[in-house]
Amino acid sequence: MDKDAMFDNEYLFDSEGHLTDDGLNALQNDRLDELGRLEAAEHLTFCDYCLARYTALIESAPEKLRQPMRDLIPQVQNLMRLRSFRIMTNRYVSVAAAVLIAFGIWQFGILALPEKSVSRDPLAEPTRPSISRSIGGALDKCSGGLSKMFDGLRLSVTGGLDQLSDLRTNPPKTGGTPAEGE
């Protein structure tokens, strides 16, 4: 019988209903077709006698056959990294979206109390700025704030560089030689 040929399912079970030795070997060597593997797996789930024989057959196999075909640790670690990255980015995206929504609600005055009209006409509606003006004003405020921050940073860096250049040209006097007469 050819070792690579598929096993005939007619000889998978003996007359008592247990897996034959040839059937167990075929299962171990992956020579069963889909139906044969399914029948053998189902039988091994409830027949302790055949399961003990199959376990002994696997344990008697050479060491190289008992080792997994490939190491799964790097693959599992990569999946864990990918999932943790997705979880963290989902959290940050959710927080960023909440901040943007809160900023929009605050900036556009949706939750603000209506201002009292200063006009003398009691029927006149208080004017609200348009959305484009509100967005423009918010962007102007952000731009002004960033400009002030960068100006302050530039002044700090310039001051620090000036101090460093002063230290290079005029190093501090420490120690030195004793004065005459000492």
N, C-alpha and C. Protein backbone atom coordinates (compact mmCIF):
# COMPACT_ATOMS: atom_id res chain seq x y z
N MET A 1 0.84 -1.18 0.00
CA MET A 1 0.00 0.00 0.00
C MET A 1 0.89 1.24 0.00
N ASP A 2 0.60 2.19 -0.86
CA ASP A 2 1.37 3.43 -0.97
C ASP A 2 1.11 4.30 0.27
N LYS A 3 2.20 4.86 0.84
CA LYS A 3 2.06 5.65 2.07
C LYS A 3 1.39 7.00 1.81
N ASP A 4 1.47 7.49 0.58
CA ASP A 4 0.86 8.78 0.27
C ASP A 4 -0.56 8.66 -0.25
N ALA A 5 -1.02 7.46 -0.52
CA ALA A 5 -2.37 7.26 -1.05
C ALA A 5 -3.39 7.48 0.06
N MET A 6 -4.57 7.92 -0.33
CA MET A 6 -5.63 8.13 0.64
C MET A 6 -6.13 6.79 1.16
N PHE A 7 -6.50 6.77 2.43
CA PHE A 7 -6.96 5.56 3.09
C PHE A 7 -8.42 5.32 2.73
N ASP A 8 -8.77 4.05 2.54
CA ASP A 8 -10.15 3.69 2.21
C ASP A 8 -10.98 3.70 3.49
N ASN A 9 -12.04 4.50 3.51
CA ASN A 9 -12.87 4.63 4.72
C ASN A 9 -13.58 3.34 5.11
N GLU A 10 -13.65 2.37 4.19
CA GLU A 10 -14.30 1.09 4.51
C GLU A 10 -13.53 0.35 5.60
N TYR A 11 -12.22 0.60 5.70
CA TYR A 11 -11.38 -0.13 6.66
C TYR A 11 -11.03 0.74 7.87
N LEU A 12 -11.77 1.82 8.09
CA LEU A 12 -11.50 2.73 9.21
C LEU A 12 -11.92 2.11 10.54
N PHE A 13 -13.03 1.35 10.56
CA PHE A 13 -13.55 0.76 11.79
C PHE A 13 -13.52 -0.76 11.69
N ASP A 14 -13.31 -1.40 12.86
CA ASP A 14 -13.35 -2.87 12.89
C ASP A 14 -14.78 -3.34 13.16
N SER A 15 -14.95 -4.64 13.32
CA SER A 15 -16.29 -5.21 13.50
C SER A 15 -16.92 -4.81 14.83
N GLU A 16 -16.09 -4.41 15.82
CA GLU A 16 -16.62 -4.00 17.12
C GLU A 16 -16.94 -2.50 17.18
N GLY A 17 -16.61 -1.78 16.11
CA GLY A 17 -16.94 -0.36 16.05
C GLY A 17 -15.80 0.54 16.49
N HIS A 18 -14.60 -0.03 16.73
CA HIS A 18 -13.44 0.78 17.11
C HIS A 18 -12.60 1.08 15.88
N LEU A 19 -11.76 2.11 15.98
CA LEU A 19 -10.85 2.45 14.89
C LEU A 19 -9.80 1.35 14.75
N THR A 20 -9.50 0.98 13.52
CA THR A 20 -8.46 -0.02 13.28
C THR A 20 -7.09 0.62 13.45
N ASP A 21 -6.06 -0.23 13.60
CA ASP A 21 -4.69 0.29 13.71
C ASP A 21 -4.31 1.05 12.45
N ASP A 22 -4.69 0.48 11.29
CA ASP A 22 -4.40 1.17 10.03
C ASP A 22 -5.15 2.51 9.95
N GLY A 23 -6.36 2.53 10.48
CA GLY A 23 -7.14 3.77 10.49
C GLY A 23 -6.50 4.83 11.38
N LEU A 24 -5.99 4.41 12.54
CA LEU A 24 -5.30 5.35 13.43
C LEU A 24 -4.02 5.88 12.78
N ASN A 25 -3.28 4.99 12.11
CA ASN A 25 -2.07 5.42 11.41
C ASN A 25 -2.40 6.38 10.28
N ALA A 26 -3.48 6.10 9.55
CA ALA A 26 -3.89 6.99 8.47
C ALA A 26 -4.30 8.35 9.02
N LEU A 27 -4.95 8.37 10.19
CA LEU A 27 -5.33 9.62 10.81
C LEU A 27 -4.09 10.41 11.22
N GLN A 28 -3.10 9.71 11.77
CA GLN A 28 -1.88 10.38 12.20
C GLN A 28 -1.09 10.91 11.00
N ASN A 29 -1.06 10.17 9.92
CA ASN A 29 -0.28 10.56 8.74
C ASN A 29 -1.07 11.45 7.77
N ASP A 30 -2.28 11.84 8.16
CA ASP A 30 -3.13 12.73 7.36
C ASP A 30 -3.43 12.13 5.98
N ARG A 31 -3.82 10.86 5.99
CA ARG A 31 -4.17 10.19 4.74
C ARG A 31 -5.66 9.92 4.64
N LEU A 32 -6.45 10.53 5.52
CA LEU A 32 -7.91 10.37 5.47
C LEU A 32 -8.52 11.53 4.69
N ASP A 33 -9.60 11.23 3.98
CA ASP A 33 -10.31 12.31 3.31
C ASP A 33 -11.16 13.06 4.33
N GLU A 34 -11.89 14.05 3.88
CA GLU A 34 -12.67 14.90 4.78
C GLU A 34 -13.67 14.09 5.61
N LEU A 35 -14.38 13.18 4.97
CA LEU A 35 -15.37 12.37 5.67
C LEU A 35 -14.69 11.44 6.68
N GLY A 36 -13.57 10.84 6.30
CA GLY A 36 -12.85 9.95 7.20
C GLY A 36 -12.33 10.68 8.43
N ARG A 37 -11.79 11.90 8.24
CA ARG A 37 -11.31 12.69 9.38
C ARG A 37 -12.46 13.06 10.30
N LEU A 38 -13.60 13.41 9.71
CA LEU A 38 -14.76 13.77 10.52
C LEU A 38 -15.26 12.58 11.33
N GLU A 39 -15.35 11.39 10.70
CA GLU A 39 -15.81 10.19 11.42
C GLU A 39 -14.83 9.80 12.52
N ALA A 40 -13.52 9.86 12.23
CA ALA A 40 -12.52 9.49 13.24
C ALA A 40 -12.54 10.48 14.40
N ALA A 41 -12.65 11.78 14.11
CA ALA A 41 -12.68 12.78 15.18
C ALA A 41 -13.92 12.62 16.04
N GLU A 42 -15.05 12.35 15.41
CA GLU A 42 -16.28 12.14 16.18
C GLU A 42 -16.16 10.90 17.06
N HIS A 43 -15.57 9.83 16.52
CA HIS A 43 -15.42 8.60 17.29
C HIS A 43 -14.49 8.82 18.48
N LEU A 44 -13.41 9.58 18.28
CA LEU A 44 -12.44 9.82 19.36
C LEU A 44 -13.03 10.68 20.48
N THR A 45 -14.09 11.43 20.18
CA THR A 45 -14.68 12.26 21.22
C THR A 45 -15.45 11.45 22.26
N PHE A 46 -15.94 10.27 21.88
CA PHE A 46 -16.71 9.51 22.86
C PHE A 46 -16.12 8.13 23.18
N CYS A 47 -15.12 7.63 22.46
CA CYS A 47 -14.55 6.31 22.71
C CYS A 47 -13.21 6.45 23.43
N ASP A 48 -13.19 6.19 24.72
CA ASP A 48 -11.96 6.33 25.50
C ASP A 48 -10.90 5.32 25.09
N TYR A 49 -11.33 4.12 24.68
CA TYR A 49 -10.39 3.08 24.28
C TYR A 49 -9.58 3.52 23.05
N CYS A 50 -10.25 3.99 22.04
CA CYS A 50 -9.57 4.45 20.82
C CYS A 50 -8.75 5.71 21.08
N LEU A 51 -9.25 6.58 21.95
CA LEU A 51 -8.51 7.79 22.28
C LEU A 51 -7.20 7.44 22.98
N ALA A 52 -7.24 6.46 23.88
CA ALA A 52 -6.01 6.02 24.56
C ALA A 52 -5.04 5.41 23.56
N ARG A 53 -5.54 4.61 22.61
CA ARG A 53 -4.66 4.03 21.59
C ARG A 53 -4.06 5.11 20.70
N TYR A 54 -4.86 6.10 20.30
CA TYR A 54 -4.37 7.18 19.45
C TYR A 54 -3.34 8.04 20.19
N THR A 55 -3.59 8.30 21.48
CA THR A 55 -2.64 9.07 22.28
C THR A 55 -1.32 8.33 22.40
N ALA A 56 -1.36 7.02 22.64
CA ALA A 56 -0.14 6.22 22.73
C ALA A 56 0.60 6.22 21.39
N LEU A 57 -0.14 6.20 20.30
CA LEU A 57 0.48 6.23 18.96
C LEU A 57 1.20 7.56 18.74
N ILE A 58 0.60 8.65 19.17
CA ILE A 58 1.23 9.96 19.01
C ILE A 58 2.45 10.08 19.91
N GLU A 59 2.34 9.56 21.16
CA GLU A 59 3.47 9.65 22.08
C GLU A 59 4.65 8.78 21.65
N SER A 60 4.39 7.74 20.90
CA SER A 60 5.48 6.89 20.43
C SER A 60 6.13 7.43 19.16
N ALA A 61 5.60 8.48 18.63
CA ALA A 61 6.15 9.07 17.40
C ALA A 61 7.49 9.73 17.71
N PRO A 62 8.36 9.85 16.73
CA PRO A 62 9.63 10.54 16.95
C PRO A 62 9.41 11.97 17.43
N GLU A 63 10.41 12.52 18.10
CA GLU A 63 10.29 13.85 18.69
C GLU A 63 9.95 14.93 17.66
N LYS A 64 10.51 14.82 16.47
CA LYS A 64 10.25 15.86 15.47
C LYS A 64 8.79 15.89 15.02
N LEU A 65 8.07 14.77 15.14
CA LEU A 65 6.67 14.76 14.76
C LEU A 65 5.78 15.35 15.85
N ARG A 66 6.27 15.36 17.09
CA ARG A 66 5.47 15.90 18.19
C ARG A 66 5.61 17.41 18.32
N GLN A 67 6.60 17.98 17.67
CA GLN A 67 6.81 19.43 17.72
C GLN A 67 5.84 20.11 16.75
N PRO A 68 5.42 21.30 17.09
CA PRO A 68 4.56 22.02 16.14
C PRO A 68 5.34 22.34 14.86
N MET A 69 4.60 22.46 13.77
CA MET A 69 5.24 22.71 12.49
C MET A 69 5.92 24.08 12.44
N ARG A 70 5.37 25.05 13.15
CA ARG A 70 5.97 26.38 13.16
C ARG A 70 5.69 27.03 14.50
N ASP A 71 6.51 28.00 14.82
CA ASP A 71 6.35 28.72 16.07
C ASP A 71 5.25 29.76 15.92
N LEU A 72 4.27 29.71 16.79
CA LEU A 72 3.14 30.62 16.69
C LEU A 72 3.29 31.86 17.56
N ILE A 73 4.33 31.91 18.40
CA ILE A 73 4.48 33.03 19.33
C ILE A 73 4.62 34.36 18.59
N PRO A 74 5.50 34.50 17.58
CA PRO A 74 5.59 35.81 16.90
C PRO A 74 4.27 36.23 16.25
N GLN A 75 3.56 35.28 15.67
CA GLN A 75 2.29 35.62 15.02
C GLN A 75 1.27 36.11 16.06
N VAL A 76 1.20 35.43 17.21
CA VAL A 76 0.27 35.83 18.26
C VAL A 76 0.66 37.19 18.84
N GLN A 77 1.98 37.40 19.02
CA GLN A 77 2.42 38.69 19.53
C GLN A 77 2.08 39.82 18.57
N ASN A 78 2.24 39.59 17.28
CA ASN A 78 1.88 40.62 16.30
C ASN A 78 0.39 40.92 16.33
N LEU A 79 -0.43 39.88 16.48
CA LEU A 79 -1.87 40.11 16.58
C LEU A 79 -2.22 40.90 17.83
N MET A 80 -1.54 40.59 18.95
CA MET A 80 -1.80 41.32 20.19
C MET A 80 -1.40 42.78 20.05
N ARG A 81 -0.25 43.05 19.41
CA ARG A 81 0.17 44.44 19.20
C ARG A 81 -0.84 45.18 18.32
N LEU A 82 -1.29 44.53 17.26
CA LEU A 82 -2.24 45.17 16.36
C LEU A 82 -3.55 45.48 17.08
N ARG A 83 -4.03 44.54 17.87
CA ARG A 83 -5.29 44.78 18.59
C ARG A 83 -5.14 45.87 19.64
N SER A 84 -4.01 45.88 20.37
CA SER A 84 -3.82 46.93 21.37
C SER A 84 -3.69 48.29 20.70
N PHE A 85 -3.04 48.35 19.52
CA PHE A 85 -2.94 49.61 18.78
C PHE A 85 -4.32 50.08 18.36
N ARG A 86 -5.15 49.16 17.87
CA ARG A 86 -6.51 49.53 17.47
C ARG A 86 -7.32 50.04 18.65
N ILE A 87 -7.18 49.38 19.80
CA ILE A 87 -7.93 49.80 20.98
C ILE A 87 -7.51 51.20 21.40
N MET A 88 -6.18 51.45 21.44
CA MET A 88 -5.69 52.75 21.87
C MET A 88 -6.10 53.84 20.88
N THR A 89 -5.98 53.57 19.58
CA THR A 89 -6.36 54.60 18.62
C THR A 89 -7.86 54.87 18.66
N ASN A 90 -8.65 53.83 18.88
CA ASN A 90 -10.10 54.04 19.00
C ASN A 90 -10.41 54.93 20.19
N ARG A 91 -9.69 54.73 21.29
CA ARG A 91 -9.91 55.57 22.47
C ARG A 91 -9.55 57.02 22.18
N TYR A 92 -8.39 57.24 21.55
CA TYR A 92 -7.96 58.61 21.26
C TYR A 92 -8.88 59.28 20.25
N VAL A 93 -9.33 58.53 19.27
CA VAL A 93 -10.25 59.10 18.28
C VAL A 93 -11.56 59.48 18.95
N SER A 94 -12.04 58.65 19.86
CA SER A 94 -13.28 58.96 20.57
C SER A 94 -13.12 60.21 21.42
N VAL A 95 -11.99 60.32 22.12
CA VAL A 95 -11.75 61.50 22.95
C VAL A 95 -11.64 62.75 22.08
N ALA A 96 -10.91 62.65 20.96
CA ALA A 96 -10.76 63.79 20.07
C ALA A 96 -12.11 64.23 19.51
N ALA A 97 -12.94 63.27 19.13
CA ALA A 97 -14.27 63.60 18.61
C ALA A 97 -15.11 64.29 19.69
N ALA A 98 -15.03 63.81 20.92
CA ALA A 98 -15.79 64.42 22.00
C ALA A 98 -15.32 65.85 22.26
N VAL A 99 -14.00 66.06 22.20
CA VAL A 99 -13.46 67.41 22.41
C VAL A 99 -13.93 68.34 21.29
N LEU A 100 -13.90 67.87 20.05
CA LEU A 100 -14.34 68.70 18.93
C LEU A 100 -15.82 69.04 19.03
N ILE A 101 -16.62 68.07 19.42
CA ILE A 101 -18.06 68.34 19.57
C ILE A 101 -18.30 69.34 20.69
N ALA A 102 -17.60 69.15 21.82
CA ALA A 102 -17.78 70.08 22.94
C ALA A 102 -17.32 71.48 22.55
N PHE A 103 -16.21 71.57 21.83
CA PHE A 103 -15.72 72.88 21.38
C PHE A 103 -16.72 73.53 20.43
N GLY A 104 -17.25 72.73 19.53
CA GLY A 104 -18.24 73.27 18.60
C GLY A 104 -19.49 73.77 19.30
N ILE A 105 -19.97 73.01 20.26
CA ILE A 105 -21.17 73.43 21.01
C ILE A 105 -20.88 74.69 21.79
N TRP A 106 -19.71 74.75 22.39
CA TRP A 106 -19.35 75.93 23.18
C TRP A 106 -19.14 77.14 22.29
N GLN A 107 -18.42 76.94 21.19
CA GLN A 107 -18.07 78.07 20.31
C GLN A 107 -19.29 78.63 19.59
N PHE A 108 -20.19 77.78 19.13
CA PHE A 108 -21.33 78.25 18.37
C PHE A 108 -22.47 78.70 19.27
N GLY A 109 -22.31 78.55 20.56
CA GLY A 109 -23.29 79.06 21.50
C GLY A 109 -24.59 78.31 21.52
N ILE A 110 -24.56 77.05 21.21
CA ILE A 110 -25.80 76.28 21.21
C ILE A 110 -26.36 76.16 22.62
N LEU A 111 -25.47 75.99 23.60
CA LEU A 111 -25.93 75.84 24.98
C LEU A 111 -25.91 77.16 25.75
N ALA A 112 -25.53 78.23 25.10
CA ALA A 112 -25.45 79.53 25.78
C ALA A 112 -26.85 80.08 26.02
N LEU A 113 -26.97 80.85 27.09
CA LEU A 113 -28.24 81.51 27.38
C LEU A 113 -28.41 82.67 26.39
N PRO A 114 -29.62 82.92 25.99
CA PRO A 114 -29.80 84.04 25.05
C PRO A 114 -29.46 85.37 25.73
N GLU A 115 -28.73 86.21 25.01
CA GLU A 115 -28.34 87.50 25.56
C GLU A 115 -29.54 88.44 25.52
N LYS A 116 -29.57 89.35 26.47
CA LYS A 116 -30.66 90.33 26.50
C LYS A 116 -30.40 91.36 25.42
N SER A 117 -31.43 91.68 24.74
CA SER A 117 -31.31 92.64 23.64
C SER A 117 -31.16 94.04 24.22
N VAL A 118 -30.26 94.80 23.66
CA VAL A 118 -30.03 96.16 24.12
C VAL A 118 -30.85 97.16 23.29
N SER A 119 -31.44 96.65 22.23
CA SER A 119 -32.19 97.57 21.37
C SER A 119 -33.45 98.04 22.07
N ARG A 120 -33.94 99.12 21.59
CA ARG A 120 -35.12 99.70 22.21
C ARG A 120 -36.40 99.09 21.67
N ASP A 121 -36.28 98.36 20.60
CA ASP A 121 -37.45 97.72 20.02
C ASP A 121 -37.66 96.38 20.72
N PRO A 122 -38.73 96.20 21.47
CA PRO A 122 -38.93 94.95 22.22
C PRO A 122 -39.21 93.76 21.31
N LEU A 123 -39.64 94.02 20.07
CA LEU A 123 -39.94 92.91 19.18
C LEU A 123 -38.73 92.46 18.37
N ALA A 124 -37.63 93.17 18.46
CA ALA A 124 -36.44 92.84 17.66
C ALA A 124 -35.77 91.58 18.23
N GLU A 125 -35.38 90.70 17.34
CA GLU A 125 -34.69 89.47 17.73
C GLU A 125 -33.22 89.79 18.00
N PRO A 126 -32.63 89.17 19.02
CA PRO A 126 -31.19 89.36 19.22
C PRO A 126 -30.44 88.71 18.05
N THR A 127 -29.44 89.39 17.56
CA THR A 127 -28.70 88.87 16.41
C THR A 127 -27.63 87.90 16.90
N ARG A 128 -27.55 86.81 16.19
CA ARG A 128 -26.51 85.82 16.46
C ARG A 128 -25.57 85.81 15.28
N PRO A 129 -24.29 85.64 15.54
CA PRO A 129 -23.35 85.59 14.42
C PRO A 129 -23.59 84.32 13.60
N SER A 130 -23.29 84.40 12.32
CA SER A 130 -23.47 83.23 11.46
C SER A 130 -22.41 82.18 11.80
N ILE A 131 -22.63 80.99 11.32
CA ILE A 131 -21.69 79.89 11.58
C ILE A 131 -20.34 80.18 10.95
N SER A 132 -20.33 80.74 9.75
CA SER A 132 -19.05 81.03 9.10
C SER A 132 -18.28 82.09 9.88
N ARG A 133 -18.99 83.10 10.42
CA ARG A 133 -18.30 84.10 11.24
C ARG A 133 -17.80 83.49 12.54
N SER A 134 -18.58 82.59 13.13
CA SER A 134 -18.14 81.94 14.36
C SER A 134 -16.89 81.09 14.12
N ILE A 135 -16.92 80.36 13.01
CA ILE A 135 -15.74 79.54 12.69
C ILE A 135 -14.54 80.44 12.40
N GLY A 136 -14.77 81.50 11.65
CA GLY A 136 -13.69 82.44 11.36
C GLY A 136 -13.13 83.06 12.63
N GLY A 137 -14.00 83.43 13.55
CA GLY A 137 -13.55 84.00 14.81
C GLY A 137 -12.77 83.00 15.64
N ALA A 138 -13.25 81.75 15.66
CA ALA A 138 -12.54 80.71 16.41
C ALA A 138 -11.17 80.46 15.82
N LEU A 139 -11.09 80.41 14.48
CA LEU A 139 -9.79 80.20 13.84
C LEU A 139 -8.87 81.39 14.07
N ASP A 140 -9.42 82.62 14.07
CA ASP A 140 -8.60 83.79 14.36
C ASP A 140 -8.04 83.73 15.78
N LYS A 141 -8.89 83.30 16.73
CA LYS A 141 -8.42 83.19 18.12
C LYS A 141 -7.33 82.13 18.23
N CYS A 142 -7.53 80.99 17.57
CA CYS A 142 -6.51 79.93 17.60
C CYS A 142 -5.23 80.42 16.96
N SER A 143 -5.34 81.10 15.83
CA SER A 143 -4.16 81.62 15.14
C SER A 143 -3.43 82.63 16.01
N GLY A 144 -4.18 83.52 16.64
CA GLY A 144 -3.56 84.51 17.53
C GLY A 144 -2.86 83.85 18.71
N GLY A 145 -3.52 82.85 19.29
CA GLY A 145 -2.92 82.14 20.42
C GLY A 145 -1.64 81.41 20.02
N LEU A 146 -1.67 80.75 18.86
CA LEU A 146 -0.47 80.06 18.38
C LEU A 146 0.64 81.05 18.07
N SER A 147 0.27 82.18 17.48
CA SER A 147 1.26 83.19 17.16
C SER A 147 1.93 83.71 18.43
N LYS A 148 1.12 83.99 19.47
CA LYS A 148 1.69 84.44 20.74
C LYS A 148 2.59 83.38 21.36
N MET A 149 2.17 82.12 21.27
CA MET A 149 2.97 81.04 21.85
C MET A 149 4.31 80.92 21.12
N PHE A 150 4.29 80.98 19.78
CA PHE A 150 5.54 80.87 19.03
C PHE A 150 6.43 82.10 19.24
N ASP A 151 5.83 83.28 19.39
CA ASP A 151 6.63 84.48 19.68
C ASP A 151 7.33 84.32 21.03
N GLY A 152 6.60 83.85 22.03
CA GLY A 152 7.20 83.63 23.35
C GLY A 152 8.31 82.58 23.29
N LEU A 153 8.08 81.52 22.53
CA LEU A 153 9.09 80.48 22.37
C LEU A 153 10.32 81.03 21.66
N ARG A 154 10.10 81.85 20.63
CA ARG A 154 11.23 82.45 19.90
C ARG A 154 12.03 83.36 20.82
N LEU A 155 11.34 84.17 21.64
CA LEU A 155 12.04 85.05 22.57
C LEU A 155 12.84 84.26 23.60
N SER A 156 12.28 83.17 24.10
CA SER A 156 12.99 82.34 25.07
C SER A 156 14.23 81.72 24.46
N VAL A 157 14.10 81.20 23.25
CA VAL A 157 15.25 80.58 22.58
C VAL A 157 16.31 81.62 22.28
N THR A 158 15.87 82.79 21.80
CA THR A 158 16.83 83.85 21.49
C THR A 158 17.57 84.29 22.76
N GLY A 159 16.83 84.45 23.87
CA GLY A 159 17.47 84.83 25.13
C GLY A 159 18.46 83.78 25.60
N GLY A 160 18.08 82.51 25.46
CA GLY A 160 18.99 81.42 25.86
C GLY A 160 20.24 81.39 25.01
N LEU A 161 20.10 81.61 23.70
CA LEU A 161 21.26 81.63 22.81
C LEU A 161 22.15 82.83 23.12
N ASP A 162 21.54 83.98 23.44
CA ASP A 162 22.34 85.14 23.82
C ASP A 162 23.15 84.87 25.08
N GLN A 163 22.55 84.20 26.05
CA GLN A 163 23.27 83.86 27.28
C GLN A 163 24.42 82.91 26.99
N LEU A 164 24.20 81.94 26.11
CA LEU A 164 25.27 81.01 25.77
C LEU A 164 26.41 81.71 25.05
N SER A 165 26.09 82.64 24.15
CA SER A 165 27.16 83.35 23.45
C SER A 165 27.92 84.26 24.41
N ASP A 166 27.22 84.85 25.40
CA ASP A 166 27.91 85.65 26.41
C ASP A 166 28.86 84.80 27.24
N LEU A 167 28.47 83.58 27.56
CA LEU A 167 29.32 82.68 28.34
C LEU A 167 30.55 82.27 27.55
N ARG A 168 30.43 82.15 26.24
CA ARG A 168 31.59 81.78 25.41
C ARG A 168 32.59 82.93 25.32
N THR A 169 32.07 84.13 25.14
CA THR A 169 32.99 85.28 24.99
C THR A 169 33.56 85.72 26.33
N ASN A 170 32.78 85.68 27.38
CA ASN A 170 33.24 86.09 28.71
C ASN A 170 33.02 84.95 29.69
N PRO A 171 33.94 83.96 29.73
CA PRO A 171 33.73 82.85 30.67
C PRO A 171 33.79 83.34 32.11
N PRO A 172 33.04 82.73 33.00
CA PRO A 172 33.05 83.16 34.41
C PRO A 172 34.42 82.85 35.02
N LYS A 173 34.83 83.71 35.94
CA LYS A 173 36.13 83.54 36.59
C LYS A 173 35.93 82.71 37.85
N THR A 174 36.49 81.55 37.85
CA THR A 174 36.44 80.67 39.01
C THR A 174 37.84 80.24 39.32
N GLY A 175 38.14 80.14 40.55
CA GLY A 175 39.51 79.72 40.95
C GLY A 175 40.49 80.77 40.52
N GLY A 176 41.39 80.42 39.61
CA GLY A 176 42.38 81.36 39.10
C GLY A 176 43.66 81.36 39.96
N THR A 177 44.52 82.35 39.70
CA THR A 177 45.79 82.44 40.44
C THR A 177 45.59 83.37 41.61
N PRO A 178 46.32 83.14 42.71
CA PRO A 178 46.18 84.03 43.87
C PRO A 178 46.76 85.42 43.55
N ALA A 179 46.16 86.43 44.14
CA ALA A 179 46.61 87.80 43.92
C ALA A 179 47.98 88.02 44.57
N GLU A 180 48.70 89.03 44.15
CA GLU A 180 50.01 89.31 44.71
C GLU A 180 49.89 89.69 46.17
N GLY A 181 50.86 89.25 46.93
CA GLY A 181 50.85 89.57 48.35
C GLY A 181 50.14 88.56 49.19
N GLU A 182 49.56 87.57 48.60
CA GLU A 182 48.85 86.56 49.40
C GLU A 182 49.77 85.43 49.66
